[in-house]
Protein backbone atom coordinates (compact mmCIF):
# COMPACT_ATOMS: atom_id res chain seq x y z
CA MET A 1 117.58 140.31 220.02
CA ILE A 2 115.51 143.02 221.49
CA LEU A 3 112.85 144.92 219.46
CA CYS A 4 113.61 148.70 220.02
CA GLY A 5 112.42 150.60 216.87
CA GLY A 6 108.94 151.37 217.68
CA LYS A 7 107.57 154.73 218.35
CA GLY A 8 105.97 154.50 221.61
CA THR A 9 102.73 156.49 220.50
CA ARG A 10 100.89 155.54 223.75
CA LEU A 11 103.43 156.84 225.79
CA ARG A 12 103.72 160.07 224.02
CA ASP A 13 104.26 162.79 226.48
CA VAL A 14 107.73 160.71 227.42
CA THR A 15 108.60 159.40 223.80
CA GLU A 16 108.50 162.80 222.01
CA LEU A 17 111.72 163.09 222.95
CA LEU A 18 113.20 159.44 223.33
CA PRO A 19 112.35 156.05 221.88
CA LYS A 20 110.41 153.91 224.52
CA PRO A 21 113.21 151.62 225.24
CA MET A 22 115.47 154.59 226.17
CA VAL A 23 112.91 156.19 228.93
CA SER A 24 114.70 155.62 232.14
CA ILE A 25 113.39 153.68 235.27
CA GLY A 26 115.62 155.36 237.61
CA GLU A 27 118.94 156.49 236.61
CA GLN A 28 118.97 153.95 233.38
CA PRO A 29 116.86 153.41 230.23
CA ILE A 30 114.28 150.60 230.50
CA VAL A 31 116.34 148.51 228.05
CA TRP A 32 119.25 148.57 230.34
CA HIS A 33 116.89 146.80 233.13
CA ILE A 34 116.14 144.01 230.52
CA MET A 35 119.60 143.90 229.50
CA LYS A 36 120.67 143.35 233.01
CA THR A 37 118.00 140.58 233.64
CA TYR A 38 119.37 138.62 230.55
CA ALA A 39 123.28 139.25 232.06
CA ALA A 40 122.14 137.60 235.24
CA PHE A 41 121.67 134.35 233.60
CA GLY A 42 125.09 134.77 231.59
CA VAL A 43 123.86 136.52 228.65
CA ARG A 44 126.37 138.73 227.16
CA ARG A 45 125.88 139.20 223.69
CA PHE A 46 122.74 141.50 222.51
CA ILE A 47 121.55 142.75 219.19
CA LEU A 48 119.30 145.83 219.46
CA CYS A 49 116.76 146.22 216.54
CA LEU A 50 116.45 149.88 215.76
CA GLY A 51 114.60 152.51 213.97
CA TYR A 52 112.95 155.26 215.43
CA LYS A 53 115.64 158.03 217.39
CA ARG A 54 118.11 155.30 216.68
CA GLU A 55 121.04 158.11 217.32
CA ALA A 56 119.44 158.13 221.22
CA PHE A 57 121.06 154.50 221.53
CA VAL A 58 123.92 155.16 219.71
CA ASP A 59 124.88 158.15 221.96
CA TYR A 60 123.95 155.95 224.90
CA PHE A 61 125.99 153.14 224.44
CA MET A 62 129.24 155.00 222.88
CA ASN A 63 129.30 157.11 225.97
CA TYR A 64 128.46 154.43 228.58
CA HIS A 65 131.82 154.15 230.26
CA LEU A 66 131.80 157.75 230.69
CA ARG A 67 128.36 157.70 232.12
CA THR A 68 128.98 155.16 234.76
CA ALA A 69 132.70 155.63 235.91
CA ASP A 70 134.88 158.46 237.10
CA ALA A 71 137.32 160.03 234.70
CA THR A 72 139.97 162.44 233.97
CA ILE A 73 139.65 164.25 230.68
CA ARG A 74 143.01 165.69 229.43
CA LEU A 75 141.96 168.42 227.07
CA GLY A 76 143.62 169.52 224.21
CA HIS A 77 144.09 168.59 220.31
CA GLU A 78 144.55 165.24 221.36
CA PRO A 79 142.42 164.68 224.19
CA GLU A 80 142.85 161.65 226.70
CA ILE A 81 140.58 159.89 229.25
CA THR A 82 141.47 158.08 232.36
CA PHE A 83 138.81 156.01 233.56
CA TYR A 84 138.52 154.62 237.10
CA GLY A 85 137.13 151.68 237.33
CA GLU A 86 135.54 149.43 235.03
CA PRO A 87 131.44 149.03 234.59
CA ASP A 88 129.88 145.64 235.66
CA GLU A 89 128.78 145.77 231.72
CA SER A 90 131.81 146.02 230.51
CA ASP A 91 131.89 142.22 229.04
CA TRP A 92 128.53 143.04 226.96
CA GLU A 93 128.64 143.06 223.40
CA VAL A 94 126.04 145.05 221.96
CA THR A 95 125.36 145.43 218.16
CA LEU A 96 123.04 148.59 217.02
CA ALA A 97 121.32 146.90 214.04
CA GLY A 98 119.72 149.72 212.07
CA THR A 99 116.18 148.08 210.82
CA GLY A 100 114.17 150.96 209.59
CA VAL A 101 112.17 153.30 210.64
CA GLU A 102 108.70 152.09 209.31
CA THR A 103 109.64 148.46 209.72
CA MET A 104 107.31 146.19 211.30
CA THR A 105 108.50 143.62 214.00
CA GLY A 106 108.90 140.74 211.71
CA GLY A 107 111.23 142.51 209.52
CA ARG A 108 113.17 143.78 212.24
CA VAL A 109 113.87 140.38 213.14
CA LEU A 110 114.77 139.14 209.71
CA ARG A 111 117.03 142.25 208.93
CA ALA A 112 118.93 141.78 212.33
CA SER A 113 119.32 138.20 212.01
CA LYS A 114 122.21 138.75 210.10
CA TYR A 115 124.04 139.86 212.95
CA LEU A 116 123.60 136.04 214.88
CA ALA A 117 126.51 134.13 215.05
CA GLU A 118 126.68 130.97 213.06
CA SER A 119 126.81 128.64 216.38
CA ASP A 120 123.51 130.43 217.33
CA GLU A 121 120.97 128.07 216.73
CA ASN A 122 118.57 129.49 219.23
CA PHE A 123 118.47 132.92 220.51
CA PHE A 124 116.42 135.23 222.97
CA LEU A 125 114.00 137.82 221.47
CA THR A 126 111.92 140.37 223.57
CA TYR A 127 110.27 143.49 223.05
CA GLY A 128 112.02 146.65 224.77
CA ASP A 129 109.31 147.73 226.89
CA GLY A 130 108.44 145.03 229.39
CA LEU A 131 110.07 143.82 232.95
CA SER A 132 109.66 140.86 234.56
CA ASP A 133 111.45 138.19 237.04
CA VAL A 134 111.28 135.39 234.64
CA ASP A 135 113.63 132.88 235.06
CA ILE A 136 115.74 132.84 231.58
CA LYS A 137 117.28 129.71 232.60
CA ALA A 138 114.12 127.96 233.14
CA LEU A 139 112.48 129.49 230.03
CA TYR A 140 115.64 128.23 227.85
CA ALA A 141 115.61 124.85 229.20
CA ARG A 142 111.85 124.74 228.41
CA HIS A 143 112.22 125.75 224.92
CA LEU A 144 114.89 123.15 224.43
CA ALA A 145 112.71 120.33 226.16
CA GLY A 146 110.08 121.27 223.90
CA LYS A 147 111.76 121.10 220.51
CA LYS A 148 109.55 123.99 219.10
CA LEU A 149 110.60 126.80 216.82
CA LEU A 150 109.37 129.33 219.22
CA THR A 151 108.74 129.38 222.79
CA VAL A 152 106.76 132.33 224.40
CA THR A 153 106.63 133.21 228.10
CA ALA A 154 102.76 133.37 229.07
CA VAL A 155 101.77 135.40 231.94
CA HIS A 156 98.63 137.47 233.68
CA PRO A 157 98.32 140.84 232.59
CA GLU A 158 97.31 143.33 235.46
CA ALA A 159 93.73 143.94 235.42
CA ARG A 160 92.73 147.25 234.11
CA PHE A 161 88.92 147.21 234.93
CA GLY A 162 86.56 145.70 237.07
CA GLU A 163 85.29 141.83 236.57
CA MET A 164 82.02 140.20 236.39
CA ILE A 165 81.12 136.65 236.65
CA LEU A 166 77.62 136.04 235.02
CA ASP A 167 75.26 133.30 235.14
CA GLY A 168 72.78 134.08 232.69
CA ASP A 169 71.07 137.34 233.63
CA THR A 170 72.63 137.22 237.07
CA VAL A 171 75.93 138.49 238.21
CA ARG A 172 77.60 135.78 240.50
CA ARG A 173 80.66 137.71 241.59
CA PHE A 174 81.92 140.84 241.28
CA GLU A 175 85.53 142.44 241.55
CA GLU A 176 85.90 146.23 241.49
CA LYS A 177 89.41 145.45 240.11
CA PRO A 178 91.25 142.29 240.40
CA ALA A 179 95.13 142.34 240.72
CA LEU A 180 95.67 139.96 237.28
CA VAL A 181 93.31 138.63 234.87
CA ASP A 182 92.81 134.84 234.83
CA GLY A 183 93.99 134.44 231.54
CA TYR A 184 97.65 134.43 229.48
CA ILE A 185 99.12 136.75 227.05
CA ASN A 186 102.53 136.82 225.50
CA GLY A 187 104.89 138.54 228.22
CA GLY A 188 107.76 139.08 225.02
CA PHE A 189 110.13 136.80 226.68
CA MET A 190 110.83 134.13 224.20
CA VAL A 191 113.18 131.98 222.50
CA MET A 192 113.53 131.65 218.64
CA ASP A 193 114.96 128.86 216.64
CA ARG A 194 116.47 130.51 213.95
CA ARG A 195 114.97 128.08 211.49
CA PHE A 196 111.57 130.27 212.42
CA ILE A 197 113.08 132.97 210.04
CA ALA A 198 113.66 130.94 207.06
CA LYS A 199 110.27 128.92 207.44
CA TYR A 200 108.15 132.21 208.44
CA LEU A 201 110.05 135.13 207.80
CA GLU A 202 111.79 135.19 204.37
CA ASN A 203 110.71 137.59 202.19
CA ARG A 204 108.44 139.19 204.77
CA GLU A 205 110.19 142.44 205.72
CA ASP A 206 106.39 144.11 205.59
CA THR A 207 104.68 142.08 208.23
CA PHE A 208 104.29 142.05 212.15
CA LEU A 209 105.94 139.01 213.72
CA GLU A 210 102.75 138.81 215.97
CA ARG A 211 100.40 138.04 212.73
CA GLU A 212 100.83 135.81 210.11
CA PRO A 213 104.38 134.51 210.85
CA VAL A 214 103.29 133.59 214.84
CA SER A 215 99.52 132.38 213.31
CA GLU A 216 101.18 129.98 210.99
CA CYS A 217 103.60 128.74 213.54
CA VAL A 218 100.68 128.14 215.83
CA ALA A 219 98.94 126.13 213.06
CA ASP A 220 102.05 123.96 212.64
CA GLY A 221 102.13 122.86 215.97
CA GLN A 222 105.56 125.03 216.65
CA MET A 223 104.78 127.28 219.31
CA GLY A 224 105.69 126.26 222.90
CA VAL A 225 104.74 128.14 226.28
CA PHE A 226 106.56 128.56 229.28
CA ARG A 227 104.32 129.76 232.34
CA HIS A 228 105.27 132.51 234.41
CA GLU A 229 103.56 133.38 237.55
CA GLY A 230 105.67 135.98 238.93
CA PHE A 231 106.13 139.57 238.22
CA TRP A 232 105.53 140.71 234.72
CA GLN A 233 104.76 144.60 233.80
CA CYS A 234 104.73 146.57 230.39
CA MET A 235 105.58 150.20 230.37
CA ASP A 236 102.51 151.07 227.84
CA ASN A 237 101.43 154.60 229.28
CA GLN A 238 102.33 157.25 231.76
CA ARG A 239 100.82 155.39 235.19
CA GLU A 240 102.78 152.24 234.28
CA TYR A 241 106.06 154.30 233.98
CA ASN A 242 105.37 155.99 237.19
CA MET A 243 104.56 152.72 238.59
CA LEU A 244 107.93 151.37 237.60
CA ASN A 245 109.47 154.12 238.77
CA ALA A 246 107.97 154.09 242.52
CA MET A 247 109.05 150.23 242.78
CA TRP A 248 112.66 151.07 241.44
CA ASN A 249 113.04 154.10 244.16
CA SER A 250 111.72 151.81 246.70
CA ALA A 251 114.68 149.82 246.33
CA SER A 252 112.36 146.86 246.13
CA ALA A 253 111.84 146.48 242.32
CA PRO A 254 110.66 142.62 241.76
CA TRP A 255 112.66 142.51 238.39
CA THR A 256 115.66 142.52 239.90
CA LYS A 257 115.17 139.20 241.57
CA PHE A 258 118.16 136.91 240.03
CA TRP A 259 120.26 140.26 239.56
CA LYS A 260 123.60 140.01 241.67
């Protein structure tokens, strides 16, 4: 399940025309890159929680084969299309779930949960604007071993400002801009036990997942962690958009580590 419904206001120059998950890294939208990472570990079913500019996702996935394969189109009252070759993603199943334009993240998960299969006791959950070389198989194994209702991937964010280590009124160490900060944040690659929904999201369509539901989950001791020390980068602004595209264009994009 991928949260794709937000407006991406901090990347306004690009998202005036497209929802942020549909902003391209190279020739494909960032949500495709996220899905390729999961697909590398055998994940083939996706639920996209849509809201803002939903039609962009519909147009992209409905025309996916035409975008990725050569084709001959016979025009007329009953047009025919002959495709040459199958895309690598031909076995993907993508559910386009309309979850409301103004719905908060908790409500999006709740509304989209009706598309989970009965056998989906656990499911992956992430945001549509972050890339990583996280080992999805190891993340899932950690979730099962921890037996928590929610497991989140902890990552070190990129440092945006200089860092000072203080000793009283004296600066003991100064780094103009370290590569990463020492602390952890939620990197967005999560595994959720579907019981989380009934326990923390039921009748809460107007709440952010990251606020009361997660806080209560933590208080109950039901939130586990998977530490990831590798690459992780969100796309929140123009600088990060440019950086991710530069990585892709260099043919050494770190988030493709597990791709085949």
